[in-house]
Amino acid sequence: MKVSVYKNSGKDSGKKIDLADEIFGIEPNDHAIYMDVKQYMANQRQGTHKAKERADIVGSTRKIKRQKGTGTARAGSIKSPLFRGGGRAFGPRPRDYGFKLNKKLKSVARKSALSYKAKEDGIKVLEDFNFDAPKTKDYLKLLTSLKLQDKKTLLVLPEADKNIVLSSRNLPKAKVTTVDTLHTYEVLHADNLLISESSVEKIETLLK
């Protein structure tokens, strides 16, 4: 699959780059995508929720009424979940929601997400660029030249670039990541994927 390479001015450079079909042109596996996104979302949960159970409630342990002759059920503690102000039965406790996925499934999920974006013409390849200093207006100018200023975009760089990251940080719909940290969720969440020219080869090497 051949796509045009754009300059950071938004103009077509006249160059073409070949996107490997085994990465950007596979039949997407929806279940692999589902599992990878599910794991990502699970890992975002802090898991710090905690409700007080009957052992955590402060209250008297005096038997609150006689055992027999009341016509109602026995009651041995004011801290029982049956009473208002008592503990909660089987309440949530701190836990880790993360779970394991094998590397092959995660790789298939990322290939599937990239293939979906390629089918939707949601991928633009840019010539490698950098900024002399972190300036939001420079990054906004780049998006405006590509007519993507109102779209959710994800820029994929071969390695972290502090000036580019800081330039994009104040734009709510713009995000920057690297090839090594590229995730299925982020690819699908973005309307358009911007990939620097040198990142394409690195993605293909990583996912082959």
N, C-alpha and C. Protein backbone atom coordinates (compact mmCIF):
# COMPACT_ATOMS: atom_id res chain seq x y z
N MET A 1 0.85 -1.18 0.00
CA MET A 1 0.00 0.00 0.00
C MET A 1 0.89 1.24 0.00
N LYS A 2 0.78 2.06 -1.05
CA LYS A 2 1.60 3.25 -1.15
C LYS A 2 0.80 4.48 -0.73
N VAL A 3 1.42 5.33 0.08
CA VAL A 3 0.78 6.57 0.52
C VAL A 3 1.75 7.73 0.30
N SER A 4 1.18 8.92 0.19
CA SER A 4 1.99 10.11 -0.01
C SER A 4 2.67 10.53 1.29
N VAL A 5 3.81 11.16 1.14
CA VAL A 5 4.53 11.72 2.29
C VAL A 5 4.34 13.23 2.24
N TYR A 6 3.86 13.80 3.37
CA TYR A 6 3.59 15.24 3.42
C TYR A 6 4.69 15.98 4.15
N LYS A 7 4.89 17.23 3.72
CA LYS A 7 5.79 18.12 4.44
C LYS A 7 5.06 18.66 5.66
N ASN A 8 5.80 19.22 6.61
CA ASN A 8 5.11 19.77 7.77
C ASN A 8 4.40 21.09 7.46
N SER A 9 4.55 21.53 6.20
CA SER A 9 3.78 22.70 5.73
C SER A 9 2.41 22.26 5.22
N GLY A 10 2.18 20.95 5.18
CA GLY A 10 0.90 20.42 4.72
C GLY A 10 0.87 20.07 3.25
N LYS A 11 1.94 20.40 2.53
CA LYS A 11 1.98 20.12 1.09
C LYS A 11 2.55 18.73 0.82
N ASP A 12 2.11 18.15 -0.27
CA ASP A 12 2.61 16.84 -0.68
C ASP A 12 4.06 16.98 -1.13
N SER A 13 4.94 16.18 -0.57
CA SER A 13 6.36 16.28 -0.92
C SER A 13 6.67 15.66 -2.27
N GLY A 14 5.71 14.90 -2.81
CA GLY A 14 5.94 14.20 -4.08
C GLY A 14 6.50 12.80 -3.88
N LYS A 15 6.91 12.51 -2.65
CA LYS A 15 7.44 11.17 -2.36
C LYS A 15 6.30 10.23 -1.98
N LYS A 16 6.54 8.96 -2.20
CA LYS A 16 5.61 7.91 -1.79
C LYS A 16 6.33 6.95 -0.86
N ILE A 17 5.59 6.39 0.07
CA ILE A 17 6.18 5.38 0.95
C ILE A 17 5.27 4.16 0.97
N ASP A 18 5.88 3.00 1.02
CA ASP A 18 5.12 1.75 0.97
C ASP A 18 4.84 1.28 2.40
N LEU A 19 3.55 1.15 2.73
CA LEU A 19 3.16 0.60 4.03
C LEU A 19 2.96 -0.90 3.88
N ALA A 20 3.65 -1.69 4.69
CA ALA A 20 3.62 -3.15 4.57
C ALA A 20 2.20 -3.68 4.79
N ASP A 21 1.76 -4.53 3.86
CA ASP A 21 0.41 -5.09 3.95
C ASP A 21 0.24 -5.99 5.18
N GLU A 22 1.33 -6.61 5.63
CA GLU A 22 1.23 -7.50 6.79
C GLU A 22 1.09 -6.72 8.11
N ILE A 23 1.23 -5.39 8.04
CA ILE A 23 1.05 -4.53 9.21
C ILE A 23 -0.18 -3.63 9.04
N PHE A 24 -0.30 -3.01 7.88
CA PHE A 24 -1.34 -2.02 7.64
C PHE A 24 -2.47 -2.53 6.74
N GLY A 25 -2.42 -3.81 6.36
CA GLY A 25 -3.45 -4.28 5.43
C GLY A 25 -3.98 -5.67 5.75
N ILE A 26 -3.95 -6.04 7.03
CA ILE A 26 -4.45 -7.36 7.41
C ILE A 26 -5.97 -7.32 7.61
N GLU A 27 -6.58 -8.50 7.69
CA GLU A 27 -8.00 -8.58 8.05
C GLU A 27 -8.08 -8.37 9.56
N PRO A 28 -8.70 -7.27 10.00
CA PRO A 28 -8.69 -6.95 11.44
C PRO A 28 -9.34 -8.03 12.30
N ASN A 29 -8.73 -8.25 13.45
CA ASN A 29 -9.25 -9.21 14.42
C ASN A 29 -9.93 -8.41 15.55
N ASP A 30 -11.25 -8.34 15.50
CA ASP A 30 -11.99 -7.51 16.45
C ASP A 30 -11.85 -8.01 17.89
N HIS A 31 -11.76 -9.32 18.07
CA HIS A 31 -11.66 -9.85 19.43
C HIS A 31 -10.31 -9.49 20.04
N ALA A 32 -9.26 -9.52 19.25
CA ALA A 32 -7.93 -9.13 19.75
C ALA A 32 -7.94 -7.66 20.16
N ILE A 33 -8.59 -6.84 19.35
CA ILE A 33 -8.71 -5.41 19.68
C ILE A 33 -9.47 -5.24 20.99
N TYR A 34 -10.58 -5.97 21.13
CA TYR A 34 -11.40 -5.88 22.34
C TYR A 34 -10.59 -6.23 23.58
N MET A 35 -9.83 -7.33 23.53
CA MET A 35 -9.05 -7.76 24.69
C MET A 35 -7.96 -6.75 25.03
N ASP A 36 -7.28 -6.22 24.01
CA ASP A 36 -6.20 -5.28 24.26
C ASP A 36 -6.73 -3.97 24.85
N VAL A 37 -7.85 -3.49 24.31
CA VAL A 37 -8.46 -2.26 24.84
C VAL A 37 -8.99 -2.50 26.26
N LYS A 38 -9.56 -3.68 26.48
CA LYS A 38 -10.07 -4.01 27.81
C LYS A 38 -8.93 -4.00 28.83
N GLN A 39 -7.80 -4.56 28.46
CA GLN A 39 -6.65 -4.56 29.37
C GLN A 39 -6.16 -3.14 29.64
N TYR A 40 -6.11 -2.33 28.58
CA TYR A 40 -5.67 -0.94 28.73
C TYR A 40 -6.57 -0.18 29.70
N MET A 41 -7.89 -0.33 29.52
CA MET A 41 -8.84 0.37 30.38
C MET A 41 -8.76 -0.15 31.82
N ALA A 42 -8.56 -1.46 31.97
CA ALA A 42 -8.43 -2.04 33.31
C ALA A 42 -7.20 -1.50 34.02
N ASN A 43 -6.12 -1.30 33.27
CA ASN A 43 -4.88 -0.80 33.87
C ASN A 43 -4.99 0.66 34.29
N GLN A 44 -5.97 1.38 33.73
CA GLN A 44 -6.16 2.78 34.11
C GLN A 44 -6.88 2.91 35.45
N ARG A 45 -7.52 1.85 35.90
CA ARG A 45 -8.28 1.91 37.16
C ARG A 45 -7.34 1.88 38.35
N GLN A 46 -7.56 2.78 39.29
CA GLN A 46 -6.70 2.82 40.47
C GLN A 46 -6.97 1.65 41.41
N GLY A 47 -8.22 1.24 41.49
CA GLY A 47 -8.56 0.11 42.35
C GLY A 47 -8.44 0.44 43.83
N THR A 48 -8.64 1.72 44.19
CA THR A 48 -8.48 2.13 45.59
C THR A 48 -9.81 2.23 46.34
N HIS A 49 -10.90 1.76 45.71
CA HIS A 49 -12.21 1.85 46.35
C HIS A 49 -12.28 0.93 47.58
N LYS A 50 -12.97 1.39 48.60
CA LYS A 50 -13.07 0.61 49.84
C LYS A 50 -14.35 1.00 50.58
N ALA A 51 -15.18 0.02 50.90
CA ALA A 51 -16.36 0.26 51.73
C ALA A 51 -16.14 -0.41 53.08
N LYS A 52 -16.73 0.15 54.11
CA LYS A 52 -16.58 -0.42 55.45
C LYS A 52 -17.49 -1.64 55.60
N GLU A 53 -16.90 -2.75 55.98
CA GLU A 53 -17.67 -3.94 56.30
C GLU A 53 -17.91 -3.96 57.81
N ARG A 54 -18.63 -4.96 58.30
CA ARG A 54 -19.04 -4.92 59.71
C ARG A 54 -17.85 -4.89 60.68
N ALA A 55 -16.72 -5.43 60.25
CA ALA A 55 -15.55 -5.42 61.13
C ALA A 55 -14.92 -4.03 61.22
N ASP A 56 -15.23 -3.17 60.25
CA ASP A 56 -14.64 -1.84 60.22
C ASP A 56 -15.50 -0.78 60.90
N ILE A 57 -16.74 -1.13 61.23
CA ILE A 57 -17.66 -0.18 61.83
C ILE A 57 -17.38 -0.05 63.34
N VAL A 58 -17.42 1.20 63.83
CA VAL A 58 -17.29 1.44 65.27
C VAL A 58 -18.69 1.39 65.89
N GLY A 59 -18.88 0.53 66.84
CA GLY A 59 -20.19 0.40 67.48
C GLY A 59 -20.15 -0.61 68.60
N SER A 60 -21.16 -0.59 69.44
CA SER A 60 -21.22 -1.50 70.58
C SER A 60 -21.42 -2.93 70.12
N THR A 61 -20.86 -3.85 70.87
CA THR A 61 -21.07 -5.28 70.59
C THR A 61 -22.14 -5.87 71.50
N ARG A 62 -22.81 -4.97 72.24
CA ARG A 62 -23.88 -5.45 73.12
C ARG A 62 -25.01 -6.04 72.30
N LYS A 63 -25.56 -7.15 72.79
CA LYS A 63 -26.69 -7.75 72.10
C LYS A 63 -27.87 -6.78 72.21
N ILE A 64 -28.45 -6.40 71.09
CA ILE A 64 -29.40 -5.29 71.08
C ILE A 64 -30.82 -5.67 71.48
N LYS A 65 -31.14 -6.94 71.48
CA LYS A 65 -32.46 -7.37 71.95
C LYS A 65 -32.40 -8.83 72.35
N ARG A 66 -33.41 -9.30 73.06
CA ARG A 66 -33.38 -10.68 73.51
C ARG A 66 -33.50 -11.64 72.32
N GLN A 67 -33.03 -12.84 72.56
CA GLN A 67 -32.97 -13.84 71.49
C GLN A 67 -34.35 -14.31 71.05
N LYS A 68 -35.22 -14.57 72.01
CA LYS A 68 -36.51 -15.17 71.68
C LYS A 68 -37.68 -14.28 72.14
N GLY A 69 -38.82 -14.53 71.57
CA GLY A 69 -40.03 -13.89 72.04
C GLY A 69 -40.34 -12.54 71.40
N THR A 70 -39.50 -12.07 70.48
CA THR A 70 -39.76 -10.75 69.86
C THR A 70 -40.61 -10.88 68.60
N GLY A 71 -40.70 -12.09 68.07
CA GLY A 71 -41.46 -12.28 66.83
C GLY A 71 -40.67 -11.91 65.59
N THR A 72 -39.44 -11.47 65.77
CA THR A 72 -38.58 -11.11 64.63
C THR A 72 -37.30 -11.93 64.68
N ALA A 73 -36.47 -11.75 63.69
CA ALA A 73 -35.23 -12.52 63.61
C ALA A 73 -34.26 -12.12 64.71
N ARG A 74 -33.37 -13.04 65.04
CA ARG A 74 -32.34 -12.76 66.03
C ARG A 74 -31.42 -11.64 65.53
N ALA A 75 -30.92 -10.84 66.41
CA ALA A 75 -29.97 -9.78 66.05
C ALA A 75 -28.90 -9.70 67.11
N GLY A 76 -27.67 -9.86 66.70
CA GLY A 76 -26.59 -9.92 67.68
C GLY A 76 -25.70 -8.70 67.71
N SER A 77 -25.79 -7.80 66.71
CA SER A 77 -24.87 -6.66 66.68
C SER A 77 -25.48 -5.51 65.90
N ILE A 78 -25.25 -4.30 66.39
CA ILE A 78 -25.72 -3.10 65.70
C ILE A 78 -24.93 -2.86 64.42
N LYS A 79 -23.78 -3.55 64.30
CA LYS A 79 -22.92 -3.38 63.13
C LYS A 79 -23.32 -4.28 61.96
N SER A 80 -24.40 -5.04 62.14
CA SER A 80 -24.87 -5.94 61.10
C SER A 80 -25.26 -5.16 59.84
N PRO A 81 -24.99 -5.69 58.66
CA PRO A 81 -25.39 -5.03 57.41
C PRO A 81 -26.91 -4.84 57.28
N LEU A 82 -27.68 -5.54 58.12
CA LEU A 82 -29.13 -5.41 58.05
C LEU A 82 -29.62 -4.09 58.63
N PHE A 83 -28.81 -3.44 59.46
CA PHE A 83 -29.24 -2.21 60.11
C PHE A 83 -28.63 -0.98 59.45
N ARG A 84 -29.39 0.10 59.49
CA ARG A 84 -28.88 1.37 58.98
C ARG A 84 -27.67 1.79 59.80
N GLY A 85 -26.58 2.16 59.11
CA GLY A 85 -25.36 2.52 59.82
C GLY A 85 -24.44 1.33 60.04
N GLY A 86 -24.93 0.15 59.67
CA GLY A 86 -24.09 -1.04 59.81
C GLY A 86 -23.11 -1.16 58.64
N GLY A 87 -22.30 -2.20 58.70
CA GLY A 87 -21.33 -2.40 57.63
C GLY A 87 -21.98 -2.87 56.34
N ARG A 88 -21.25 -2.78 55.26
CA ARG A 88 -21.76 -3.26 53.98
C ARG A 88 -21.33 -4.71 53.78
N ALA A 89 -22.25 -5.54 53.31
CA ALA A 89 -21.92 -6.95 53.08
C ALA A 89 -21.18 -7.08 51.75
N PHE A 90 -20.04 -7.71 51.78
CA PHE A 90 -19.22 -7.97 50.58
C PHE A 90 -18.94 -6.68 49.80
N GLY A 91 -18.55 -5.64 50.52
CA GLY A 91 -18.25 -4.36 49.88
C GLY A 91 -16.97 -4.42 49.05
N PRO A 92 -16.76 -3.41 48.19
CA PRO A 92 -15.54 -3.39 47.37
C PRO A 92 -14.29 -3.21 48.23
N ARG A 93 -13.22 -3.84 47.81
CA ARG A 93 -11.94 -3.74 48.52
C ARG A 93 -10.87 -3.33 47.52
N PRO A 94 -9.78 -2.73 47.99
CA PRO A 94 -8.69 -2.38 47.06
C PRO A 94 -8.21 -3.61 46.29
N ARG A 95 -8.04 -3.43 44.98
CA ARG A 95 -7.60 -4.56 44.16
C ARG A 95 -6.96 -4.05 42.88
N ASP A 96 -6.23 -4.91 42.24
CA ASP A 96 -5.60 -4.61 40.95
C ASP A 96 -6.45 -5.23 39.85
N TYR A 97 -6.93 -4.41 38.93
CA TYR A 97 -7.81 -4.90 37.87
C TYR A 97 -7.04 -5.43 36.65
N GLY A 98 -5.73 -5.28 36.66
CA GLY A 98 -4.93 -5.69 35.51
C GLY A 98 -4.96 -7.20 35.27
N PHE A 99 -4.74 -7.58 34.02
CA PHE A 99 -4.64 -8.99 33.69
C PHE A 99 -3.65 -9.15 32.54
N LYS A 100 -3.19 -10.36 32.34
CA LYS A 100 -2.15 -10.61 31.35
C LYS A 100 -2.72 -10.93 29.97
N LEU A 101 -2.00 -10.49 28.96
CA LEU A 101 -2.29 -10.90 27.58
C LEU A 101 -0.95 -11.30 26.95
N ASN A 102 -0.98 -12.31 26.09
CA ASN A 102 0.28 -12.69 25.47
C ASN A 102 0.67 -11.70 24.37
N LYS A 103 1.96 -11.66 24.07
CA LYS A 103 2.51 -10.66 23.16
C LYS A 103 1.96 -10.78 21.75
N LYS A 104 1.71 -12.01 21.32
CA LYS A 104 1.21 -12.21 19.95
C LYS A 104 -0.18 -11.59 19.79
N LEU A 105 -1.03 -11.76 20.80
CA LEU A 105 -2.37 -11.19 20.71
C LEU A 105 -2.30 -9.66 20.68
N LYS A 106 -1.44 -9.08 21.50
CA LYS A 106 -1.30 -7.62 21.53
C LYS A 106 -0.76 -7.10 20.20
N SER A 107 0.12 -7.87 19.59
CA SER A 107 0.66 -7.49 18.29
C SER A 107 -0.42 -7.52 17.22
N VAL A 108 -1.24 -8.57 17.24
CA VAL A 108 -2.35 -8.68 16.28
C VAL A 108 -3.33 -7.53 16.47
N ALA A 109 -3.57 -7.16 17.72
CA ALA A 109 -4.50 -6.06 18.02
C ALA A 109 -4.00 -4.75 17.43
N ARG A 110 -2.71 -4.47 17.59
CA ARG A 110 -2.15 -3.23 17.05
C ARG A 110 -2.16 -3.22 15.52
N LYS A 111 -1.83 -4.37 14.92
CA LYS A 111 -1.90 -4.47 13.46
C LYS A 111 -3.33 -4.24 12.97
N SER A 112 -4.30 -4.80 13.70
CA SER A 112 -5.70 -4.65 13.33
C SER A 112 -6.14 -3.19 13.40
N ALA A 113 -5.72 -2.51 14.47
CA ALA A 113 -6.07 -1.09 14.63
C ALA A 113 -5.45 -0.25 13.51
N LEU A 114 -4.20 -0.52 13.18
CA LEU A 114 -3.52 0.21 12.10
C LEU A 114 -4.17 -0.08 10.75
N SER A 115 -4.62 -1.32 10.55
CA SER A 115 -5.29 -1.69 9.31
C SER A 115 -6.63 -0.98 9.16
N TYR A 116 -7.37 -0.87 10.27
CA TYR A 116 -8.64 -0.12 10.25
C TYR A 116 -8.38 1.33 9.85
N LYS A 117 -7.35 1.94 10.45
CA LYS A 117 -7.05 3.34 10.14
C LYS A 117 -6.64 3.50 8.67
N ALA A 118 -5.87 2.53 8.16
CA ALA A 118 -5.44 2.60 6.76
C ALA A 118 -6.63 2.49 5.81
N LYS A 119 -7.58 1.60 6.14
CA LYS A 119 -8.77 1.43 5.30
C LYS A 119 -9.63 2.68 5.28
N GLU A 120 -9.63 3.42 6.40
CA GLU A 120 -10.45 4.63 6.52
C GLU A 120 -9.72 5.87 6.01
N ASP A 121 -8.52 5.68 5.41
CA ASP A 121 -7.68 6.81 4.99
C ASP A 121 -7.39 7.73 6.15
N GLY A 122 -7.17 7.15 7.31
CA GLY A 122 -6.92 7.92 8.52
C GLY A 122 -5.46 8.02 8.88
N ILE A 123 -4.57 7.67 7.93
CA ILE A 123 -3.13 7.72 8.19
C ILE A 123 -2.47 8.73 7.25
N LYS A 124 -1.68 9.61 7.83
CA LYS A 124 -0.86 10.54 7.04
C LYS A 124 0.59 10.37 7.47
N VAL A 125 1.47 10.22 6.49
CA VAL A 125 2.90 10.08 6.78
C VAL A 125 3.55 11.44 6.55
N LEU A 126 4.31 11.90 7.55
CA LEU A 126 4.97 13.21 7.48
C LEU A 126 6.48 13.04 7.37
N GLU A 127 7.10 13.98 6.69
CA GLU A 127 8.56 14.02 6.71
C GLU A 127 9.03 14.27 8.14
N ASP A 128 10.18 13.72 8.48
CA ASP A 128 10.72 13.94 9.83
C ASP A 128 10.93 15.44 10.06
N PHE A 129 10.56 15.90 11.25
CA PHE A 129 10.70 17.32 11.57
C PHE A 129 10.98 17.47 13.05
N ASN A 130 11.38 18.66 13.45
CA ASN A 130 11.54 19.00 14.87
C ASN A 130 11.34 20.49 15.04
N PHE A 131 11.14 20.89 16.29
CA PHE A 131 10.97 22.30 16.61
C PHE A 131 12.20 22.79 17.37
N ASP A 132 12.60 24.03 17.10
CA ASP A 132 13.76 24.61 17.80
C ASP A 132 13.43 24.87 19.27
N ALA A 133 12.15 25.16 19.52
CA ALA A 133 11.71 25.45 20.89
C ALA A 133 10.25 25.01 21.02
N PRO A 134 9.81 24.70 22.23
CA PRO A 134 8.41 24.30 22.40
C PRO A 134 7.46 25.47 22.21
N LYS A 135 6.65 25.43 21.13
CA LYS A 135 5.68 26.48 20.86
C LYS A 135 4.38 25.85 20.37
N THR A 136 3.32 26.08 21.13
CA THR A 136 2.03 25.50 20.77
C THR A 136 1.58 25.97 19.40
N LYS A 137 1.83 27.25 19.08
CA LYS A 137 1.36 27.80 17.80
C LYS A 137 2.03 27.10 16.61
N ASP A 138 3.26 26.61 16.81
CA ASP A 138 3.94 25.88 15.72
C ASP A 138 3.26 24.55 15.45
N TYR A 139 2.88 23.86 16.54
CA TYR A 139 2.20 22.57 16.36
C TYR A 139 0.80 22.78 15.79
N LEU A 140 0.13 23.82 16.24
CA LEU A 140 -1.21 24.13 15.72
C LEU A 140 -1.12 24.49 14.24
N LYS A 141 -0.06 25.18 13.86
CA LYS A 141 0.15 25.55 12.45
C LYS A 141 0.31 24.28 11.60
N LEU A 142 1.03 23.29 12.15
CA LEU A 142 1.20 22.01 11.45
C LEU A 142 -0.15 21.33 11.23
N LEU A 143 -0.98 21.27 12.29
CA LEU A 143 -2.29 20.63 12.17
C LEU A 143 -3.20 21.40 11.22
N THR A 144 -3.13 22.73 11.27
CA THR A 144 -3.97 23.56 10.41
C THR A 144 -3.59 23.36 8.95
N SER A 145 -2.29 23.24 8.67
CA SER A 145 -1.84 23.03 7.28
C SER A 145 -2.32 21.69 6.73
N LEU A 146 -2.55 20.72 7.64
CA LEU A 146 -3.05 19.41 7.23
C LEU A 146 -4.58 19.34 7.33
N LYS A 147 -5.20 20.46 7.75
CA LYS A 147 -6.66 20.56 7.92
C LYS A 147 -7.17 19.57 8.98
N LEU A 148 -6.38 19.45 10.04
CA LEU A 148 -6.74 18.52 11.11
C LEU A 148 -6.84 19.23 12.47
N GLN A 149 -6.96 20.55 12.45
CA GLN A 149 -6.95 21.29 13.71
C GLN A 149 -8.16 20.98 14.59
N ASP A 150 -9.25 20.51 13.99
CA ASP A 150 -10.46 20.19 14.78
C ASP A 150 -10.64 18.69 14.98
N LYS A 151 -9.65 17.91 14.58
CA LYS A 151 -9.74 16.45 14.68
C LYS A 151 -8.86 15.95 15.83
N LYS A 152 -9.23 14.78 16.35
CA LYS A 152 -8.36 14.13 17.34
C LYS A 152 -7.20 13.47 16.59
N THR A 153 -5.99 13.88 16.91
CA THR A 153 -4.82 13.37 16.18
C THR A 153 -3.84 12.70 17.13
N LEU A 154 -3.14 11.73 16.59
CA LEU A 154 -2.08 11.04 17.33
C LEU A 154 -0.84 11.06 16.46
N LEU A 155 0.20 11.74 16.92
CA LEU A 155 1.46 11.80 16.18
C LEU A 155 2.40 10.73 16.74
N VAL A 156 2.92 9.91 15.84
CA VAL A 156 3.82 8.82 16.25
C VAL A 156 5.26 9.17 15.84
N LEU A 157 6.13 9.29 16.83
CA LEU A 157 7.53 9.62 16.58
C LEU A 157 8.40 8.39 16.84
N PRO A 158 9.59 8.32 16.21
CA PRO A 158 10.47 7.17 16.45
C PRO A 158 11.01 7.15 17.89
N GLU A 159 11.18 8.33 18.47
CA GLU A 159 11.63 8.44 19.86
C GLU A 159 11.13 9.77 20.44
N ALA A 160 11.15 9.87 21.73
CA ALA A 160 10.58 11.06 22.39
C ALA A 160 11.32 12.33 21.97
N ASP A 161 10.54 13.37 21.69
CA ASP A 161 11.08 14.69 21.35
C ASP A 161 10.42 15.71 22.28
N LYS A 162 11.18 16.24 23.21
CA LYS A 162 10.63 17.10 24.25
C LYS A 162 9.92 18.32 23.68
N ASN A 163 10.52 18.96 22.67
CA ASN A 163 9.93 20.18 22.11
C ASN A 163 8.59 19.92 21.44
N ILE A 164 8.48 18.80 20.74
CA ILE A 164 7.22 18.47 20.07
C ILE A 164 6.15 18.10 21.10
N VAL A 165 6.54 17.33 22.10
CA VAL A 165 5.58 16.94 23.15
C VAL A 165 5.04 18.16 23.88
N LEU A 166 5.93 19.08 24.27
CA LEU A 166 5.50 20.28 24.98
C LEU A 166 4.67 21.20 24.08
N SER A 167 4.96 21.20 22.79
CA SER A 167 4.21 22.05 21.86
C SER A 167 2.77 21.57 21.68
N SER A 168 2.56 20.27 21.83
CA SER A 168 1.23 19.70 21.60
C SER A 168 0.40 19.59 22.88
N ARG A 169 1.05 19.77 24.03
CA ARG A 169 0.42 19.43 25.30
C ARG A 169 -0.82 20.26 25.63
N ASN A 170 -0.86 21.50 25.17
CA ASN A 170 -1.98 22.37 25.49
C ASN A 170 -3.14 22.25 24.51
N LEU A 171 -2.99 21.40 23.51
CA LEU A 171 -4.07 21.19 22.53
C LEU A 171 -4.86 19.96 22.95
N PRO A 172 -6.13 20.12 23.35
CA PRO A 172 -6.89 19.00 23.95
C PRO A 172 -7.11 17.81 23.02
N LYS A 173 -7.09 18.04 21.71
CA LYS A 173 -7.37 16.94 20.77
C LYS A 173 -6.09 16.37 20.14
N ALA A 174 -4.95 16.88 20.56
CA ALA A 174 -3.68 16.42 19.98
C ALA A 174 -2.89 15.60 21.00
N LYS A 175 -2.32 14.52 20.55
CA LYS A 175 -1.50 13.69 21.43
C LYS A 175 -0.27 13.22 20.66
N VAL A 176 0.83 13.07 21.37
CA VAL A 176 2.08 12.60 20.77
C VAL A 176 2.54 11.36 21.51
N THR A 177 2.97 10.36 20.76
CA THR A 177 3.49 9.14 21.38
C THR A 177 4.70 8.66 20.58
N THR A 178 5.32 7.61 21.04
CA THR A 178 6.46 7.03 20.32
C THR A 178 6.08 5.63 19.84
N VAL A 179 6.88 5.11 18.94
CA VAL A 179 6.61 3.77 18.39
C VAL A 179 6.58 2.72 19.50
N ASP A 180 7.50 2.84 20.45
CA ASP A 180 7.60 1.84 21.51
C ASP A 180 6.39 1.83 22.43
N THR A 181 5.70 2.97 22.56
CA THR A 181 4.55 3.05 23.47
C THR A 181 3.22 3.13 22.71
N LEU A 182 3.24 2.92 21.42
CA LEU A 182 2.02 2.98 20.61
C LEU A 182 1.05 1.89 21.06
N HIS A 183 -0.20 2.29 21.34
CA HIS A 183 -1.17 1.34 21.86
C HIS A 183 -2.42 1.30 21.00
N THR A 184 -3.07 0.14 20.99
CA THR A 184 -4.29 -0.08 20.21
C THR A 184 -5.35 0.96 20.55
N TYR A 185 -5.56 1.21 21.84
CA TYR A 185 -6.60 2.15 22.28
C TYR A 185 -6.34 3.54 21.69
N GLU A 186 -5.10 4.01 21.76
CA GLU A 186 -4.77 5.35 21.28
C GLU A 186 -4.96 5.46 19.77
N VAL A 187 -4.61 4.41 19.04
CA VAL A 187 -4.77 4.41 17.58
C VAL A 187 -6.25 4.54 17.22
N LEU A 188 -7.10 3.75 17.88
CA LEU A 188 -8.53 3.77 17.58
C LEU A 188 -9.20 5.04 18.07
N HIS A 189 -8.70 5.60 19.17
CA HIS A 189 -9.32 6.80 19.75
C HIS A 189 -9.10 8.03 18.88
N ALA A 190 -8.00 8.05 18.14
CA ALA A 190 -7.68 9.20 17.28
C ALA A 190 -8.47 9.14 15.98
N ASP A 191 -8.87 10.32 15.49
CA ASP A 191 -9.52 10.38 14.17
C ASP A 191 -8.49 10.18 13.07
N ASN A 192 -7.32 10.76 13.27
CA ASN A 192 -6.25 10.66 12.27
C ASN A 192 -4.92 10.33 12.94
N LEU A 193 -4.18 9.46 12.28
CA LEU A 193 -2.88 9.02 12.75
C LEU A 193 -1.80 9.70 11.91
N LEU A 194 -0.93 10.45 12.55
CA LEU A 194 0.19 11.10 11.87
C LEU A 194 1.45 10.33 12.22
N ILE A 195 2.11 9.79 11.21
CA ILE A 195 3.30 8.97 11.44
C ILE A 195 4.49 9.62 10.75
N SER A 196 5.54 9.88 11.50
CA SER A 196 6.74 10.43 10.88
C SER A 196 7.38 9.36 10.00
N GLU A 197 8.07 9.81 8.98
CA GLU A 197 8.61 8.90 7.96
C GLU A 197 9.51 7.82 8.57
N SER A 198 10.36 8.21 9.51
CA SER A 198 11.27 7.24 10.10
C SER A 198 10.57 6.29 11.07
N SER A 199 9.35 6.65 11.49
CA SER A 199 8.60 5.78 12.41
C SER A 199 8.00 4.58 11.69
N VAL A 200 7.73 4.74 10.38
CA VAL A 200 7.07 3.66 9.63
C VAL A 200 7.91 2.39 9.65
N GLU A 201 9.18 2.54 9.33
CA GLU A 201 10.08 1.38 9.32
C GLU A 201 10.21 0.77 10.71
N LYS A 202 10.23 1.62 11.73
CA LYS A 202 10.38 1.14 13.10
C LYS A 202 9.12 0.38 13.54
N ILE A 203 7.94 0.85 13.13
CA ILE A 203 6.68 0.14 13.45
C ILE A 203 6.68 -1.23 12.77
N GLU A 204 7.08 -1.28 11.52
CA GLU A 204 7.08 -2.54 10.78
C GLU A 204 8.09 -3.52 11.38
N THR A 205 9.23 -3.03 11.83
CA THR A 205 10.22 -3.89 12.47
C THR A 205 9.69 -4.42 13.80
N LEU A 206 9.00 -3.58 14.55
CA LEU A 206 8.51 -3.94 15.87
C LEU A 206 7.38 -4.97 15.79
N LEU A 207 6.51 -4.84 14.80
CA LEU A 207 5.32 -5.69 14.74
C LEU A 207 5.44 -6.90 13.83
N LYS A 208 6.54 -7.04 13.11
CA LYS A 208 6.70 -8.20 12.23
C LYS A 208 6.97 -9.45 13.04
